[in-house]
Amino acid sequence: MSKPSEPGLLYIVATPIGNLEDISARAIATLKNVDLIAAEDTRHSARLCRHFGIATPMVSLHSFNEASRAGHVISRLLEGECVALVSDAGTPLISDPGYPLVRQARAEGVKVTPVPGPCAMVAALSVAGIPSDRFAFEGFLPAKGSARRKQLESLQSETRTLIFYESPHRILDFLEDLNVVFGDREVVLGREITKTFETFLNGTPDSLIQRLHEDTDQQRGEFVVVVAGAAESPEEGAGVDVDKLLQALIREMPVKKAAAIVADVTGLGKNELYKRALILKGE
């Protein structure tokens, strides 16, 4: 059998995150017409396919086997077959498997084309009422509390809107850490988006913790957490010579206290001022 002159196409197909009516006509047609569907969970995707009368063969491609299974899929593509990649819900590769496959496919000269559709983070951002012109998607933070807090601390001065995913058994711990690190920042909590019990709660981390304790049903389901960015700092302390002020204060008091005073005066971040003061002091 001669080798095909052109490889097949790899389609990245977005599927519903809850409401099956959100699937596009193009997505259904693509899933019906490709030679193979690479699915995060074939049992989960089989239910979707049955609902829409899709009989295309499937193979599993998830976080535990994607490194080895990608080679098989690439071989099929190089033989001229077309493959659709789907995750359990939403857009593949967004906190879901698929990156190694896409990267390898592109390296092999395979055309990769998106079939866009639902994405939980975009859906939540669109209704949150928090600035959406600039945002950073952080996905799932580490499960361990110390690592999670460390990552939140690294984002404390980020001025873009922040978007996180969180699971039901960690949502309260996440909000507790958010409360400690971010304080009274505006937060919108999206739960079960597009599903029967979809809710969006807004408030500070502390007020949301109280609401979830008062109504334990609000602790169920998958969460998207949209957090307002830090306030924009005035440029170089709005005319204040920050270095000169820090140098004057650290001669008279501990570095931490000096940084706190300059933060109050200028509106600049306390952590960054602390690091800057240590440099000026020669530490």
C-alpha atoms as a PDB file:
ATOM      1  CA  MET A   1       0.000   0.000   0.000  1.00  0.00           C
ATOM      2  CA  SER A   2       1.490   3.350  -1.047  1.00  0.00           C
ATOM      3  CA  LYS A   3       1.934   6.130   1.485  1.00  0.00           C
ATOM      4  CA  PRO A   4      -0.626   8.966   1.115  1.00  0.00           C
ATOM      5  CA  SER A   5       0.724  12.192  -0.339  1.00  0.00           C
ATOM      6  CA  GLU A   6      -0.898  14.256   2.412  1.00  0.00           C
ATOM      7  CA  PRO A   7      -1.500  13.519   6.106  1.00  0.00           C
ATOM      8  CA  GLY A   8      -4.979  13.717   7.532  1.00  0.00           C
ATOM      9  CA  LEU A   9      -6.356  16.532   9.706  1.00  0.00           C
ATOM     10  CA  LEU A  10      -6.456  16.716  13.488  1.00  0.00           C
ATOM     11  CA  TYR A  11      -9.581  18.490  14.697  1.00  0.00           C
ATOM     12  CA  ILE A  12      -9.728  19.948  18.225  1.00  0.00           C
ATOM     13  CA  VAL A  13     -13.433  19.736  18.961  1.00  0.00           C
ATOM     14  CA  ALA A  14     -15.156  21.582  21.823  1.00  0.00           C
ATOM     15  CA  THR A  15     -18.066  19.711  23.408  1.00  0.00           C
ATOM     16  CA  PRO A  16     -20.762  20.841  25.886  1.00  0.00           C
ATOM     17  CA  ILE A  17     -19.796  21.572  29.495  1.00  0.00           C
ATOM     18  CA  GLY A  18     -23.287  20.668  30.657  1.00  0.00           C
ATOM     19  CA  ASN A  19     -26.171  21.521  28.359  1.00  0.00           C
ATOM     20  CA  LEU A  20     -26.017  19.224  25.313  1.00  0.00           C
ATOM     21  CA  GLU A  21     -27.763  21.852  23.182  1.00  0.00           C
ATOM     22  CA  ASP A  22     -24.571  23.919  23.298  1.00  0.00           C
ATOM     23  CA  ILE A  23     -22.795  21.638  20.814  1.00  0.00           C
ATOM     24  CA  SER A  24     -22.382  23.163  17.353  1.00  0.00           C
ATOM     25  CA  ALA A  25     -23.656  21.659  14.111  1.00  0.00           C
ATOM     26  CA  ARG A  26     -20.062  21.719  12.843  1.00  0.00           C
ATOM     27  CA  ALA A  27     -18.853  19.744  15.880  1.00  0.00           C
ATOM     28  CA  ILE A  28     -21.478  17.040  15.290  1.00  0.00           C
ATOM     29  CA  ALA A  29     -20.636  16.836  11.584  1.00  0.00           C
ATOM     30  CA  THR A  30     -16.902  16.633  12.345  1.00  0.00           C
ATOM     31  CA  LEU A  31     -17.329  13.851  14.897  1.00  0.00           C
ATOM     32  CA  LYS A  32     -19.461  11.897  12.414  1.00  0.00           C
ATOM     33  CA  ASN A  33     -17.069  12.289   9.498  1.00  0.00           C
ATOM     34  CA  VAL A  34     -13.617  11.712  11.008  1.00  0.00           C
ATOM     35  CA  ASP A  35     -12.016   8.263  11.015  1.00  0.00           C
ATOM     36  CA  LEU A  36     -11.265   8.262  14.748  1.00  0.00           C
ATOM     37  CA  ILE A  37     -12.202  10.147  17.928  1.00  0.00           C
ATOM     38  CA  ALA A  38      -9.489  10.461  20.578  1.00  0.00           C
ATOM     39  CA  ALA A  39     -11.440  10.931  23.812  1.00  0.00           C
ATOM     40  CA  GLU A  40     -10.333  11.726  27.358  1.00  0.00           C
ATOM     41  CA  ASP A  41     -12.849   9.144  28.642  1.00  0.00           C
ATOM     42  CA  THR A  42     -14.393   6.921  25.976  1.00  0.00           C
ATOM     43  CA  ARG A  43     -17.287   5.940  28.259  1.00  0.00           C
ATOM     44  CA  HIS A  44     -18.188   9.581  28.872  1.00  0.00           C
ATOM     45  CA  SER A  45     -17.862  10.546  25.201  1.00  0.00           C
ATOM     46  CA  ALA A  46     -19.838   7.445  24.142  1.00  0.00           C
ATOM     47  CA  ARG A  47     -22.912   8.892  25.871  1.00  0.00           C
ATOM     48  CA  LEU A  48     -22.519  12.135  23.915  1.00  0.00           C
ATOM     49  CA  CYS A  49     -22.054  10.238  20.664  1.00  0.00           C
ATOM     50  CA  ARG A  50     -25.122   8.052  21.253  1.00  0.00           C
ATOM     51  CA  HIS A  51     -27.222  11.146  21.913  1.00  0.00           C
ATOM     52  CA  PHE A  52     -26.276  12.637  18.528  1.00  0.00           C
ATOM     53  CA  GLY A  53     -26.143   9.390  16.546  1.00  0.00           C
ATOM     54  CA  ILE A  54     -22.349   9.405  16.128  1.00  0.00           C
ATOM     55  CA  ALA A  55     -20.881   5.950  15.428  1.00  0.00           C
ATOM     56  CA  THR A  56     -17.221   6.875  14.853  1.00  0.00           C
ATOM     57  CA  PRO A  57     -14.663   4.527  16.512  1.00  0.00           C
ATOM     58  CA  MET A  58     -12.971   5.897  19.629  1.00  0.00           C
ATOM     59  CA  VAL A  59      -9.653   5.517  21.399  1.00  0.00           C
ATOM     60  CA  SER A  60      -8.780   6.851  24.854  1.00  0.00           C
ATOM     61  CA  LEU A  61      -6.267   9.661  25.233  1.00  0.00           C
ATOM     62  CA  HIS A  62      -5.983  10.973  28.780  1.00  0.00           C
ATOM     63  CA  SER A  63      -3.368  12.425  31.111  1.00  0.00           C
ATOM     64  CA  PHE A  64      -2.056   8.976  32.084  1.00  0.00           C
ATOM     65  CA  ASN A  65      -1.523   7.586  28.583  1.00  0.00           C
ATOM     66  CA  GLU A  66      -1.199  10.588  26.256  1.00  0.00           C
ATOM     67  CA  ALA A  67       2.600  10.372  26.046  1.00  0.00           C
ATOM     68  CA  SER A  68       2.433   6.817  24.668  1.00  0.00           C
ATOM     69  CA  ARG A  69      -0.939   6.977  22.879  1.00  0.00           C
ATOM     70  CA  ALA A  70      -0.092  10.168  20.932  1.00  0.00           C
ATOM     71  CA  GLY A  71       2.283   8.174  18.733  1.00  0.00           C
ATOM     72  CA  HIS A  72      -0.529   5.830  17.663  1.00  0.00           C
ATOM     73  CA  VAL A  73      -2.795   8.755  16.788  1.00  0.00           C
ATOM     74  CA  ILE A  74      -0.010  10.516  14.868  1.00  0.00           C
ATOM     75  CA  SER A  75       0.601   7.326  12.846  1.00  0.00           C
ATOM     76  CA  ARG A  76      -3.060   7.260  11.847  1.00  0.00           C
ATOM     77  CA  LEU A  77      -2.894  10.917  10.848  1.00  0.00           C
ATOM     78  CA  LEU A  78       0.245  10.374   8.770  1.00  0.00           C
ATOM     79  CA  GLU A  79      -1.547   7.519   6.975  1.00  0.00           C
ATOM     80  CA  GLY A  80      -4.096  10.082   5.794  1.00  0.00           C
ATOM     81  CA  GLU A  81      -6.840   9.527   8.366  1.00  0.00           C
ATOM     82  CA  CYS A  82      -8.658  12.389  10.104  1.00  0.00           C
ATOM     83  CA  VAL A  83      -8.909  12.423  13.896  1.00  0.00           C
ATOM     84  CA  ALA A  84     -11.021  14.477  16.327  1.00  0.00           C
ATOM     85  CA  LEU A  85      -9.719  15.175  19.821  1.00  0.00           C
ATOM     86  CA  VAL A  86     -12.357  15.700  22.524  1.00  0.00           C
ATOM     87  CA  SER A  87     -12.187  16.096  26.291  1.00  0.00           C
ATOM     88  CA  ASP A  88     -14.880  15.167  28.793  1.00  0.00           C
ATOM     89  CA  ALA A  89     -16.324  18.673  28.556  1.00  0.00           C
ATOM     90  CA  GLY A  90     -15.486  21.996  26.969  1.00  0.00           C
ATOM     91  CA  THR A  91     -12.457  22.850  24.845  1.00  0.00           C
ATOM     92  CA  PRO A  92      -9.604  20.303  24.809  1.00  0.00           C
ATOM     93  CA  LEU A  93      -6.197  21.346  26.200  1.00  0.00           C
ATOM     94  CA  ILE A  94      -7.783  23.944  28.555  1.00  0.00           C
ATOM     95  CA  SER A  95      -6.862  22.143  31.815  1.00  0.00           C
ATOM     96  CA  ASP A  96      -7.398  18.926  29.837  1.00  0.00           C
ATOM     97  CA  PRO A  97      -5.134  16.482  27.964  1.00  0.00           C
ATOM     98  CA  GLY A  98      -3.978  16.970  24.380  1.00  0.00           C
ATOM     99  CA  TYR A  99      -0.978  19.301  24.378  1.00  0.00           C
ATOM    100  CA  PRO A 100       1.639  16.601  23.557  1.00  0.00           C
ATOM    101  CA  LEU A 101      -0.552  15.304  20.709  1.00  0.00           C
ATOM    102  CA  VAL A 102      -1.084  18.752  19.184  1.00  0.00           C
ATOM    103  CA  ARG A 103       2.571  19.698  19.480  1.00  0.00           C
ATOM    104  CA  GLN A 104       3.734  16.427  17.935  1.00  0.00           C
ATOM    105  CA  ALA A 105       1.146  16.656  15.150  1.00  0.00           C
ATOM    106  CA  ARG A 106       2.322  20.135  14.181  1.00  0.00           C
ATOM    107  CA  ALA A 107       5.956  18.988  14.281  1.00  0.00           C
ATOM    108  CA  GLU A 108       5.061  16.171  11.857  1.00  0.00           C
ATOM    109  CA  GLY A 109       3.405  18.581   9.438  1.00  0.00           C
ATOM    110  CA  VAL A 110      -0.156  17.570  10.305  1.00  0.00           C
ATOM    111  CA  LYS A 111      -2.699  20.373   9.975  1.00  0.00           C
ATOM    112  CA  VAL A 112      -4.454  21.042  13.293  1.00  0.00           C
ATOM    113  CA  THR A 113      -7.745  22.921  13.102  1.00  0.00           C
ATOM    114  CA  PRO A 114     -10.103  24.060  15.897  1.00  0.00           C
ATOM    115  CA  VAL A 115     -13.824  23.406  16.011  1.00  0.00           C
ATOM    116  CA  PRO A 116     -14.601  26.030  18.682  1.00  0.00           C
ATOM    117  CA  GLY A 117     -17.379  25.935  21.206  1.00  0.00           C
ATOM    118  CA  PRO A 118     -18.014  25.803  24.982  1.00  0.00           C
ATOM    119  CA  CYS A 119     -15.289  26.689  27.491  1.00  0.00           C
ATOM    120  CA  ALA A 120     -16.093  27.021  31.193  1.00  0.00           C
ATOM    121  CA  MET A 121     -13.621  29.816  31.923  1.00  0.00           C
ATOM    122  CA  VAL A 122     -14.849  31.970  29.024  1.00  0.00           C
ATOM    123  CA  ALA A 123     -18.476  31.343  29.987  1.00  0.00           C
ATOM    124  CA  ALA A 124     -17.821  32.410  33.587  1.00  0.00           C
ATOM    125  CA  LEU A 125     -15.830  35.488  32.599  1.00  0.00           C
ATOM    126  CA  SER A 126     -18.564  36.626  30.206  1.00  0.00           C
ATOM    127  CA  VAL A 127     -21.150  36.912  33.011  1.00  0.00           C
ATOM    128  CA  ALA A 128     -18.962  37.802  36.017  1.00  0.00           C
ATOM    129  CA  GLY A 129     -19.130  41.577  35.661  1.00  0.00           C
ATOM    130  CA  ILE A 130     -15.392  41.750  36.406  1.00  0.00           C
ATOM    131  CA  PRO A 131     -13.035  43.396  33.857  1.00  0.00           C
ATOM    132  CA  SER A 132     -12.570  41.044  30.911  1.00  0.00           C
ATOM    133  CA  ASP A 133     -10.235  43.051  28.671  1.00  0.00           C
ATOM    134  CA  ARG A 134      -7.154  41.519  30.330  1.00  0.00           C
ATOM    135  CA  PHE A 135      -7.189  38.212  32.189  1.00  0.00           C
ATOM    136  CA  ALA A 136      -4.954  35.311  33.194  1.00  0.00           C
ATOM    137  CA  PHE A 137      -6.193  31.729  33.341  1.00  0.00           C
ATOM    138  CA  GLU A 138      -4.487  29.773  36.140  1.00  0.00           C
ATOM    139  CA  GLY A 139      -6.511  26.552  35.950  1.00  0.00           C
ATOM    140  CA  PHE A 140      -6.288  24.237  38.973  1.00  0.00           C
ATOM    141  CA  LEU A 141      -3.863  25.319  41.670  1.00  0.00           C
ATOM    142  CA  PRO A 142      -1.878  22.686  43.645  1.00  0.00           C
ATOM    143  CA  ALA A 143      -3.929  20.442  45.930  1.00  0.00           C
ATOM    144  CA  LYS A 144      -1.609  20.933  48.921  1.00  0.00           C
ATOM    145  CA  GLY A 145      -2.368  24.039  50.965  1.00  0.00           C
ATOM    146  CA  SER A 146       1.191  25.315  51.279  1.00  0.00           C
ATOM    147  CA  ALA A 147       1.837  25.081  47.531  1.00  0.00           C
ATOM    148  CA  ARG A 148      -1.535  26.631  46.757  1.00  0.00           C
ATOM    149  CA  ARG A 149      -0.905  29.601  49.053  1.00  0.00           C
ATOM    150  CA  LYS A 150       2.563  30.087  47.576  1.00  0.00           C
ATOM    151  CA  GLN A 151       1.113  30.305  44.075  1.00  0.00           C
ATOM    152  CA  LEU A 152      -1.611  32.701  45.211  1.00  0.00           C
ATOM    153  CA  GLU A 153       1.037  34.899  46.842  1.00  0.00           C
ATOM    154  CA  SER A 154       2.900  35.044  43.529  1.00  0.00           C
ATOM    155  CA  LEU A 155      -0.318  36.381  41.936  1.00  0.00           C
ATOM    156  CA  GLN A 156      -1.160  38.902  44.656  1.00  0.00           C
ATOM    157  CA  SER A 157      -0.018  41.960  42.685  1.00  0.00           C
ATOM    158  CA  GLU A 158      -1.342  40.734  39.307  1.00  0.00           C
ATOM    159  CA  THR A 159      -3.579  43.483  37.877  1.00  0.00           C
ATOM    160  CA  ARG A 160      -5.312  41.258  35.331  1.00  0.00           C
ATOM    161  CA  THR A 161      -8.511  39.413  36.227  1.00  0.00           C
ATOM    162  CA  LEU A 162      -7.606  35.911  37.442  1.00  0.00           C
ATOM    163  CA  ILE A 163      -9.551  32.758  36.583  1.00  0.00           C
ATOM    164  CA  PHE A 164      -9.223  29.454  38.449  1.00  0.00           C
ATOM    165  CA  TYR A 165     -10.847  26.022  38.306  1.00  0.00           C
ATOM    166  CA  GLU A 166     -11.604  24.217  41.558  1.00  0.00           C
ATOM    167  CA  SER A 167     -13.208  20.969  42.658  1.00  0.00           C
ATOM    168  CA  PRO A 168     -16.052  20.604  45.194  1.00  0.00           C
ATOM    169  CA  HIS A 169     -13.934  18.959  47.901  1.00  0.00           C
ATOM    170  CA  ARG A 170     -11.359  21.781  47.847  1.00  0.00           C
ATOM    171  CA  ILE A 171     -13.466  24.875  47.184  1.00  0.00           C
ATOM    172  CA  LEU A 172     -13.688  25.942  50.840  1.00  0.00           C
ATOM    173  CA  ASP A 173      -9.937  25.493  51.376  1.00  0.00           C
ATOM    174  CA  PHE A 174      -9.298  27.487  48.208  1.00  0.00           C
ATOM    175  CA  LEU A 175     -11.531  30.353  49.389  1.00  0.00           C
ATOM    176  CA  GLU A 176      -9.883  30.307  52.839  1.00  0.00           C
ATOM    177  CA  ASP A 177      -6.453  30.706  51.215  1.00  0.00           C
ATOM    178  CA  LEU A 178      -7.813  33.380  48.883  1.00  0.00           C
ATOM    179  CA  ASN A 179      -9.152  35.254  51.896  1.00  0.00           C
ATOM    180  CA  VAL A 180      -5.790  35.139  53.680  1.00  0.00           C
ATOM    181  CA  VAL A 181      -3.712  36.151  50.649  1.00  0.00           C
ATOM    182  CA  PHE A 182      -6.035  38.475  48.705  1.00  0.00           C
ATOM    183  CA  GLY A 183      -8.281  39.861  51.446  1.00  0.00           C
ATOM    184  CA  ASP A 184     -11.420  41.745  50.399  1.00  0.00           C
ATOM    185  CA  ARG A 185     -10.963  41.248  46.651  1.00  0.00           C
ATOM    186  CA  GLU A 186     -14.086  40.915  44.476  1.00  0.00           C
ATOM    187  CA  VAL A 187     -14.784  37.293  43.545  1.00  0.00           C
ATOM    188  CA  VAL A 188     -17.432  35.596  41.388  1.00  0.00           C
ATOM    189  CA  LEU A 189     -17.989  31.898  41.981  1.00  0.00           C
ATOM    190  CA  GLY A 190     -19.523  30.020  39.046  1.00  0.00           C
ATOM    191  CA  ARG A 191     -20.896  26.554  39.781  1.00  0.00           C
ATOM    192  CA  GLU A 192     -22.310  23.870  37.470  1.00  0.00           C
ATOM    193  CA  ILE A 193     -22.250  26.272  34.508  1.00  0.00           C
ATOM    194  CA  THR A 194     -24.971  25.510  31.877  1.00  0.00           C
ATOM    195  CA  LYS A 195     -26.313  22.670  34.049  1.00  0.00           C
ATOM    196  CA  THR A 196     -29.601  22.425  35.950  1.00  0.00           C
ATOM    197  CA  PHE A 197     -28.244  23.866  39.208  1.00  0.00           C
ATOM    198  CA  GLU A 198     -26.060  26.595  37.708  1.00  0.00           C
ATOM    199  CA  THR A 199     -25.347  29.423  40.156  1.00  0.00           C
ATOM    200  CA  PHE A 200     -23.132  32.489  40.210  1.00  0.00           C
ATOM    201  CA  LEU A 201     -22.296  33.965  43.608  1.00  0.00           C
ATOM    202  CA  ASN A 202     -20.370  37.193  44.061  1.00  0.00           C
ATOM    203  CA  GLY A 203     -18.724  38.794  47.074  1.00  0.00           C
ATOM    204  CA  THR A 204     -15.456  38.755  48.981  1.00  0.00           C
ATOM    205  CA  PRO A 205     -13.760  35.430  49.776  1.00  0.00           C
ATOM    206  CA  ASP A 206     -14.920  35.728  53.401  1.00  0.00           C
ATOM    207  CA  SER A 207     -18.571  36.375  52.492  1.00  0.00           C
ATOM    208  CA  LEU A 208     -18.552  33.495  49.997  1.00  0.00           C
ATOM    209  CA  ILE A 209     -17.179  31.124  52.641  1.00  0.00           C
ATOM    210  CA  GLN A 210     -20.112  32.065  54.878  1.00  0.00           C
ATOM    211  CA  ARG A 211     -22.629  31.506  52.062  1.00  0.00           C
ATOM    212  CA  LEU A 212     -21.224  28.065  51.270  1.00  0.00           C
ATOM    213  CA  HIS A 213     -21.404  27.083  54.946  1.00  0.00           C
ATOM    214  CA  GLU A 214     -25.001  28.328  55.150  1.00  0.00           C
ATOM    215  CA  ASP A 215     -26.040  26.422  52.009  1.00  0.00           C
ATOM    216  CA  THR A 216     -23.987  23.247  51.647  1.00  0.00           C
ATOM    217  CA  ASP A 217     -25.584  22.542  48.241  1.00  0.00           C
ATOM    218  CA  GLN A 218     -23.417  25.394  46.977  1.00  0.00           C
ATOM    219  CA  GLN A 219     -20.345  23.254  47.709  1.00  0.00           C
ATOM    220  CA  ARG A 220     -21.338  20.696  45.073  1.00  0.00           C
ATOM    221  CA  GLY A 221     -20.272  20.563  41.443  1.00  0.00           C
ATOM    222  CA  GLU A 222     -17.366  21.976  39.467  1.00  0.00           C
ATOM    223  CA  PHE A 223     -16.309  25.579  40.049  1.00  0.00           C
ATOM    224  CA  VAL A 224     -14.873  28.460  38.070  1.00  0.00           C
ATOM    225  CA  VAL A 225     -13.527  31.227  40.318  1.00  0.00           C
ATOM    226  CA  VAL A 226     -13.132  34.684  38.779  1.00  0.00           C
ATOM    227  CA  VAL A 227     -11.076  37.100  40.894  1.00  0.00           C
ATOM    228  CA  ALA A 228     -10.651  40.831  40.293  1.00  0.00           C
ATOM    229  CA  GLY A 229      -7.078  41.889  39.638  1.00  0.00           C
ATOM    230  CA  ALA A 230      -5.057  44.046  42.012  1.00  0.00           C
ATOM    231  CA  ALA A 231      -5.536  47.790  41.762  1.00  0.00           C
ATOM    232  CA  GLU A 232      -3.186  49.425  39.287  1.00  0.00           C
ATOM    233  CA  SER A 233      -0.260  50.968  41.160  1.00  0.00           C
ATOM    234  CA  PRO A 234       0.431  54.636  40.525  1.00  0.00           C
ATOM    235  CA  GLU A 235       3.572  55.068  38.463  1.00  0.00           C
ATOM    236  CA  GLU A 236       6.627  55.091  40.711  1.00  0.00           C
ATOM    237  CA  GLY A 237       4.525  56.060  43.701  1.00  0.00           C
ATOM    238  CA  ALA A 238       2.815  59.033  41.989  1.00  0.00           C
ATOM    239  CA  GLY A 239       5.872  61.240  41.960  1.00  0.00           C
ATOM    240  CA  VAL A 240       7.410  59.951  45.194  1.00  0.00           C
ATOM    241  CA  ASP A 241      11.085  58.982  44.997  1.00  0.00           C
ATOM    242  CA  VAL A 242      10.535  55.472  46.346  1.00  0.00           C
ATOM    243  CA  ASP A 243      14.198  54.554  46.717  1.00  0.00           C
ATOM    244  CA  LYS A 244      15.001  57.773  48.578  1.00  0.00           C
ATOM    245  CA  LEU A 245      12.041  57.281  50.934  1.00  0.00           C
ATOM    246  CA  LEU A 246      12.950  53.659  51.605  1.00  0.00           C
ATOM    247  CA  GLN A 247      16.596  54.509  52.278  1.00  0.00           C
ATOM    248  CA  ALA A 248      15.574  57.185  54.785  1.00  0.00           C
ATOM    249  CA  LEU A 249      13.210  54.855  56.630  1.00  0.00           C
ATOM    250  CA  ILE A 250      15.422  51.745  56.773  1.00  0.00           C
ATOM    251  CA  ARG A 251      18.051  53.790  58.601  1.00  0.00           C
ATOM    252  CA  GLU A 252      15.529  54.295  61.411  1.00  0.00           C
ATOM    253  CA  MET A 253      13.408  51.112  61.487  1.00  0.00           C
ATOM    254  CA  PRO A 254      13.169  47.457  60.399  1.00  0.00           C
ATOM    255  CA  VAL A 255      12.871  46.800  56.663  1.00  0.00           C
ATOM    256  CA  LYS A 256       9.419  45.229  56.953  1.00  0.00           C
ATOM    257  CA  LYS A 257       7.996  48.281  58.716  1.00  0.00           C
ATOM    258  CA  ALA A 258       9.634  50.652  56.241  1.00  0.00           C
ATOM    259  CA  ALA A 259       8.131  48.741  53.326  1.00  0.00           C
ATOM    260  CA  ALA A 260       4.684  48.851  54.938  1.00  0.00           C
ATOM    261  CA  ILE A 261       4.859  52.637  55.406  1.00  0.00           C
ATOM    262  CA  VAL A 262       5.970  53.245  51.808  1.00  0.00           C
ATOM    263  CA  ALA A 263       3.208  50.929  50.582  1.00  0.00           C
ATOM    264  CA  ASP A 264       0.643  53.049  52.459  1.00  0.00           C
ATOM    265  CA  VAL A 265       2.069  56.278  51.037  1.00  0.00           C
ATOM    266  CA  THR A 266       2.477  55.177  47.414  1.00  0.00           C
ATOM    267  CA  GLY A 267      -0.047  52.403  46.879  1.00  0.00           C
ATOM    268  CA  LEU A 268       2.722  50.126  45.617  1.00  0.00           C
ATOM    269  CA  GLY A 269       2.872  46.427  46.579  1.00  0.00           C
ATOM    270  CA  LYS A 270       4.262  45.717  50.038  1.00  0.00           C
ATOM    271  CA  ASN A 271       6.105  42.550  48.980  1.00  0.00           C
ATOM    272  CA  GLU A 272       7.878  44.255  46.089  1.00  0.00           C
ATOM    273  CA  LEU A 273       8.831  47.202  48.300  1.00  0.00           C
ATOM    274  CA  TYR A 274      10.195  44.810  50.914  1.00  0.00           C
ATOM    275  CA  LYS A 275      12.424  43.126  48.305  1.00  0.00           C
ATOM    276  CA  ARG A 276      13.524  46.530  47.024  1.00  0.00           C
ATOM    277  CA  ALA A 277      14.364  47.717  50.528  1.00  0.00           C
ATOM    278  CA  LEU A 278      16.508  44.618  51.152  1.00  0.00           C
ATOM    279  CA  ILE A 279      18.472  45.394  47.992  1.00  0.00           C
ATOM    280  CA  LEU A 280      18.988  49.009  49.043  1.00  0.00           C
ATOM    281  CA  LYS A 281      20.145  47.844  52.469  1.00  0.00           C
ATOM    282  CA  GLY A 282      22.622  45.468  50.829  1.00  0.00           C
ATOM    283  CA  GLU A 283      20.962  42.274  52.013  1.00  0.00           C
END
